[in-house]
Structures are given as structure tokens and as C-alpha cells.
Amino acid sequence: MARVQQTFSNNKDSPIYVSVEPWPECFELEPGEKLTLIWDAPEGGDTAQIDFINERELVVWPNGETHEMKYLINGEEAEARSWTFKHK
């Protein structure tokens, strides 16, 4: 398996929400923040499917070995920020 990473940037002027399935983990990104996912992807095919729910929400369905996925926000460990929202 190939180790891959995918980064999602919030370039909007309000928070966005990124859900990572099938667990789910969900992250609120403030303007200017970046969420990076790192995992072992399959050798062939898509590494992830991205579903846009609306202009502020997206769902990521990574493929491969995801049980040891790393979550970083702005380069720092972010698993503790899952489901911790400042906004509603």
C-alpha cells in the first residue's frame, strides 16, 4: 500500500465541516485552517471519494487501510478536535 495524504483548505470567510467516513470523524475548520489526512491507500483505483453536501460541508470516503489514519490541522495532531465545534 502507498502512504498518501490529502489536504482540505478553508478559504471561505466562515467555518466549513469535513466528515471522514465511515467512523465518522467530523472537523470544523475555521477560515484559513487546513485539514490533512494521511493513510495507506490501495495500489490502484481512487484513494478517496469526496461528496459535497453543500458549500460548507463535505464528506470524505478514503479507500485502503484507514484504521491508523492521521488527522492534522495546520500540521498539528487534530484527532481531539473531531466533533469539537465552536459554531452551530
N, C-alpha and C. Protein backbone atom coordinates (compact mmCIF):
# COMPACT_ATOMS: atom_id res chain seq x y z
N MET A 1 0.84 -1.18 0.00
CA MET A 1 0.00 0.00 0.00
C MET A 1 0.89 1.25 0.00
N ALA A 2 0.39 2.25 -0.66
CA ALA A 2 1.11 3.53 -0.75
C ALA A 2 0.60 4.48 0.33
N ARG A 3 1.52 5.13 1.03
CA ARG A 3 1.14 6.13 2.04
C ARG A 3 0.80 7.41 1.29
N VAL A 4 -0.40 7.94 1.52
CA VAL A 4 -0.84 9.15 0.82
C VAL A 4 -1.34 10.17 1.83
N GLN A 5 -1.42 11.40 1.35
CA GLN A 5 -2.05 12.43 2.17
C GLN A 5 -2.89 13.33 1.28
N GLN A 6 -3.96 13.84 1.88
CA GLN A 6 -4.87 14.74 1.18
C GLN A 6 -5.16 15.90 2.12
N THR A 7 -5.07 17.13 1.59
CA THR A 7 -5.30 18.32 2.41
C THR A 7 -6.52 19.06 1.91
N PHE A 8 -7.33 19.53 2.86
CA PHE A 8 -8.52 20.32 2.58
C PHE A 8 -8.32 21.68 3.24
N SER A 9 -8.44 22.76 2.45
CA SER A 9 -8.22 24.12 2.95
C SER A 9 -9.53 24.87 3.02
N ASN A 10 -9.69 25.65 4.08
CA ASN A 10 -10.86 26.51 4.18
C ASN A 10 -10.46 27.92 3.76
N ASN A 11 -10.83 28.28 2.54
CA ASN A 11 -10.55 29.61 2.01
C ASN A 11 -11.78 30.52 2.09
N LYS A 12 -12.79 30.08 2.80
CA LYS A 12 -14.02 30.87 2.96
C LYS A 12 -13.88 31.81 4.16
N ASP A 13 -14.86 32.68 4.34
CA ASP A 13 -14.82 33.61 5.47
C ASP A 13 -15.64 33.11 6.66
N SER A 14 -16.04 31.85 6.64
CA SER A 14 -16.78 31.23 7.73
C SER A 14 -16.34 29.77 7.84
N PRO A 15 -16.70 29.08 8.92
CA PRO A 15 -16.27 27.70 9.10
C PRO A 15 -16.82 26.76 8.03
N ILE A 16 -16.08 25.68 7.77
CA ILE A 16 -16.57 24.58 6.95
C ILE A 16 -16.43 23.30 7.79
N TYR A 17 -17.13 22.25 7.35
CA TYR A 17 -17.15 21.00 8.09
C TYR A 17 -16.75 19.86 7.16
N VAL A 18 -15.79 19.05 7.62
CA VAL A 18 -15.30 17.91 6.85
C VAL A 18 -15.54 16.66 7.67
N SER A 19 -16.37 15.75 7.14
CA SER A 19 -16.61 14.45 7.79
C SER A 19 -15.76 13.41 7.08
N VAL A 20 -15.14 12.54 7.88
CA VAL A 20 -14.34 11.45 7.34
C VAL A 20 -15.05 10.16 7.74
N GLU A 21 -15.53 9.43 6.75
CA GLU A 21 -16.32 8.22 6.98
C GLU A 21 -15.44 6.98 6.81
N PRO A 22 -15.86 5.84 7.27
CA PRO A 22 -17.16 5.51 7.84
C PRO A 22 -17.24 5.62 9.36
N TRP A 23 -16.26 6.21 10.03
CA TRP A 23 -16.20 6.19 11.51
C TRP A 23 -17.37 6.83 12.20
N PRO A 24 -17.82 7.94 12.08
CA PRO A 24 -17.29 9.11 11.38
C PRO A 24 -16.48 10.00 12.32
N GLU A 25 -15.57 10.73 11.74
CA GLU A 25 -14.88 11.83 12.41
C GLU A 25 -15.36 13.08 11.70
N CYS A 26 -15.54 14.16 12.41
CA CYS A 26 -16.00 15.40 11.78
C CYS A 26 -15.22 16.57 12.36
N PHE A 27 -14.70 17.40 11.46
CA PHE A 27 -13.86 18.52 11.85
C PHE A 27 -14.44 19.83 11.38
N GLU A 28 -14.43 20.81 12.26
CA GLU A 28 -14.82 22.18 11.92
C GLU A 28 -13.53 22.94 11.62
N LEU A 29 -13.43 23.47 10.41
CA LEU A 29 -12.25 24.24 10.02
C LEU A 29 -12.59 25.72 9.98
N GLU A 30 -11.86 26.50 10.76
CA GLU A 30 -12.01 27.95 10.75
C GLU A 30 -11.39 28.50 9.46
N PRO A 31 -11.74 29.73 9.08
CA PRO A 31 -11.12 30.34 7.90
C PRO A 31 -9.59 30.28 8.00
N GLY A 32 -8.96 29.84 6.92
CA GLY A 32 -7.50 29.75 6.87
C GLY A 32 -6.92 28.44 7.37
N GLU A 33 -7.72 27.59 8.00
CA GLU A 33 -7.20 26.32 8.50
C GLU A 33 -7.17 25.26 7.40
N LYS A 34 -6.26 24.28 7.59
CA LYS A 34 -6.11 23.16 6.66
C LYS A 34 -6.17 21.86 7.43
N LEU A 35 -6.99 20.93 6.93
CA LEU A 35 -7.06 19.57 7.48
C LEU A 35 -6.32 18.64 6.53
N THR A 36 -5.37 17.88 7.07
CA THR A 36 -4.62 16.91 6.28
C THR A 36 -4.92 15.52 6.81
N LEU A 37 -5.26 14.61 5.90
CA LEU A 37 -5.48 13.20 6.23
C LEU A 37 -4.32 12.41 5.66
N ILE A 38 -3.77 11.49 6.45
CA ILE A 38 -2.66 10.65 6.00
C ILE A 38 -3.03 9.20 6.28
N TRP A 39 -2.96 8.35 5.24
CA TRP A 39 -3.32 6.94 5.40
C TRP A 39 -2.67 6.11 4.31
N ASP A 40 -2.83 4.78 4.43
CA ASP A 40 -2.32 3.83 3.44
C ASP A 40 -3.41 3.55 2.42
N ALA A 41 -3.21 4.03 1.22
CA ALA A 41 -4.19 3.89 0.15
C ALA A 41 -3.92 2.63 -0.66
N PRO A 42 -4.92 2.15 -1.41
CA PRO A 42 -4.71 0.98 -2.25
C PRO A 42 -3.75 1.30 -3.39
N GLU A 43 -3.15 0.24 -3.94
CA GLU A 43 -2.19 0.41 -5.04
C GLU A 43 -2.86 0.94 -6.31
N GLY A 44 -4.12 0.60 -6.52
CA GLY A 44 -4.82 1.05 -7.72
C GLY A 44 -6.16 1.65 -7.37
N GLY A 45 -6.71 2.39 -8.29
CA GLY A 45 -8.03 2.99 -8.09
C GLY A 45 -7.96 4.30 -7.33
N ASP A 46 -9.12 4.81 -7.02
CA ASP A 46 -9.21 6.09 -6.30
C ASP A 46 -8.72 5.94 -4.87
N THR A 47 -8.02 6.96 -4.38
CA THR A 47 -7.59 6.95 -2.98
C THR A 47 -8.72 7.40 -2.06
N ALA A 48 -9.66 8.19 -2.60
CA ALA A 48 -10.80 8.66 -1.79
C ALA A 48 -11.91 9.15 -2.71
N GLN A 49 -13.12 9.12 -2.18
CA GLN A 49 -14.26 9.75 -2.84
C GLN A 49 -14.67 10.93 -1.98
N ILE A 50 -14.92 12.07 -2.61
CA ILE A 50 -15.33 13.28 -1.90
C ILE A 50 -16.75 13.62 -2.33
N ASP A 51 -17.65 13.74 -1.36
CA ASP A 51 -19.03 14.12 -1.62
C ASP A 51 -19.28 15.51 -1.03
N PHE A 52 -19.70 16.44 -1.87
CA PHE A 52 -20.02 17.79 -1.41
C PHE A 52 -21.50 17.82 -1.03
N ILE A 53 -21.78 18.12 0.24
CA ILE A 53 -23.14 18.17 0.74
C ILE A 53 -23.75 19.54 0.42
N ASN A 54 -22.99 20.58 0.67
CA ASN A 54 -23.36 21.95 0.34
C ASN A 54 -22.08 22.79 0.34
N GLU A 55 -22.19 24.10 0.30
CA GLU A 55 -20.98 24.94 0.18
C GLU A 55 -20.12 24.94 1.44
N ARG A 56 -20.62 24.40 2.55
CA ARG A 56 -19.86 24.40 3.80
C ARG A 56 -19.59 23.01 4.36
N GLU A 57 -20.07 21.97 3.68
CA GLU A 57 -19.91 20.61 4.21
C GLU A 57 -19.47 19.65 3.12
N LEU A 58 -18.49 18.80 3.46
CA LEU A 58 -18.11 17.74 2.55
C LEU A 58 -17.83 16.48 3.34
N VAL A 59 -17.96 15.35 2.65
CA VAL A 59 -17.74 14.04 3.26
C VAL A 59 -16.65 13.34 2.46
N VAL A 60 -15.66 12.80 3.18
CA VAL A 60 -14.53 12.10 2.57
C VAL A 60 -14.67 10.62 2.89
N TRP A 61 -14.60 9.79 1.84
CA TRP A 61 -14.64 8.33 1.98
C TRP A 61 -13.29 7.79 1.51
N PRO A 62 -12.29 7.69 2.41
CA PRO A 62 -10.98 7.18 2.00
C PRO A 62 -11.02 5.68 1.72
N ASN A 63 -10.20 5.23 0.79
CA ASN A 63 -10.06 3.81 0.47
C ASN A 63 -8.70 3.32 0.95
N GLY A 64 -8.64 2.06 1.33
CA GLY A 64 -7.38 1.47 1.76
C GLY A 64 -7.39 1.15 3.24
N GLU A 65 -6.20 1.12 3.83
CA GLU A 65 -6.03 0.82 5.26
C GLU A 65 -6.16 2.12 6.04
N THR A 66 -7.33 2.34 6.60
CA THR A 66 -7.61 3.62 7.24
C THR A 66 -7.64 3.54 8.77
N HIS A 67 -7.42 2.37 9.34
CA HIS A 67 -7.52 2.22 10.80
C HIS A 67 -6.44 2.98 11.55
N GLU A 68 -5.35 3.36 10.89
CA GLU A 68 -4.28 4.14 11.51
C GLU A 68 -4.17 5.52 10.87
N MET A 69 -5.28 6.05 10.39
CA MET A 69 -5.28 7.35 9.73
C MET A 69 -4.82 8.44 10.70
N LYS A 70 -4.04 9.38 10.18
CA LYS A 70 -3.61 10.54 10.97
C LYS A 70 -4.41 11.75 10.51
N TYR A 71 -4.79 12.58 11.47
CA TYR A 71 -5.54 13.81 11.21
C TYR A 71 -4.70 14.98 11.71
N LEU A 72 -4.41 15.92 10.82
CA LEU A 72 -3.63 17.10 11.19
C LEU A 72 -4.40 18.35 10.81
N ILE A 73 -4.40 19.35 11.69
CA ILE A 73 -4.91 20.67 11.33
C ILE A 73 -3.75 21.63 11.45
N ASN A 74 -3.44 22.27 10.33
CA ASN A 74 -2.29 23.17 10.24
C ASN A 74 -1.01 22.49 10.72
N GLY A 75 -0.86 21.20 10.37
CA GLY A 75 0.35 20.45 10.68
C GLY A 75 0.41 19.87 12.09
N GLU A 76 -0.61 20.10 12.91
CA GLU A 76 -0.62 19.60 14.29
C GLU A 76 -1.67 18.50 14.45
N GLU A 77 -1.38 17.53 15.31
CA GLU A 77 -2.32 16.44 15.60
C GLU A 77 -3.70 17.01 15.90
N ALA A 78 -4.74 16.43 15.28
CA ALA A 78 -6.08 17.04 15.37
C ALA A 78 -7.18 16.07 15.77
N GLU A 79 -6.86 14.84 16.09
CA GLU A 79 -7.92 13.88 16.40
C GLU A 79 -8.81 14.37 17.55
N ALA A 80 -8.24 15.09 18.51
CA ALA A 80 -9.02 15.61 19.64
C ALA A 80 -10.02 16.69 19.22
N ARG A 81 -9.85 17.25 18.03
CA ARG A 81 -10.78 18.29 17.55
C ARG A 81 -12.00 17.71 16.84
N SER A 82 -12.00 16.41 16.63
CA SER A 82 -13.17 15.80 15.99
C SER A 82 -14.38 15.99 16.88
N TRP A 83 -15.45 16.49 16.30
CA TRP A 83 -16.72 16.74 16.97
C TRP A 83 -16.64 17.85 18.02
N THR A 84 -15.59 18.68 17.98
CA THR A 84 -15.48 19.83 18.88
C THR A 84 -15.74 21.08 18.04
N PHE A 85 -16.96 21.62 18.12
CA PHE A 85 -17.36 22.73 17.27
C PHE A 85 -17.52 24.01 18.09
N LYS A 86 -17.07 25.12 17.53
CA LYS A 86 -17.26 26.44 18.13
C LYS A 86 -18.54 27.08 17.62
N HIS A 87 -18.97 26.67 16.43
CA HIS A 87 -20.12 27.28 15.76
C HIS A 87 -21.22 26.24 15.59
N LYS A 88 -22.44 26.70 15.36
CA LYS A 88 -23.55 25.78 15.10
C LYS A 88 -24.17 26.09 13.77
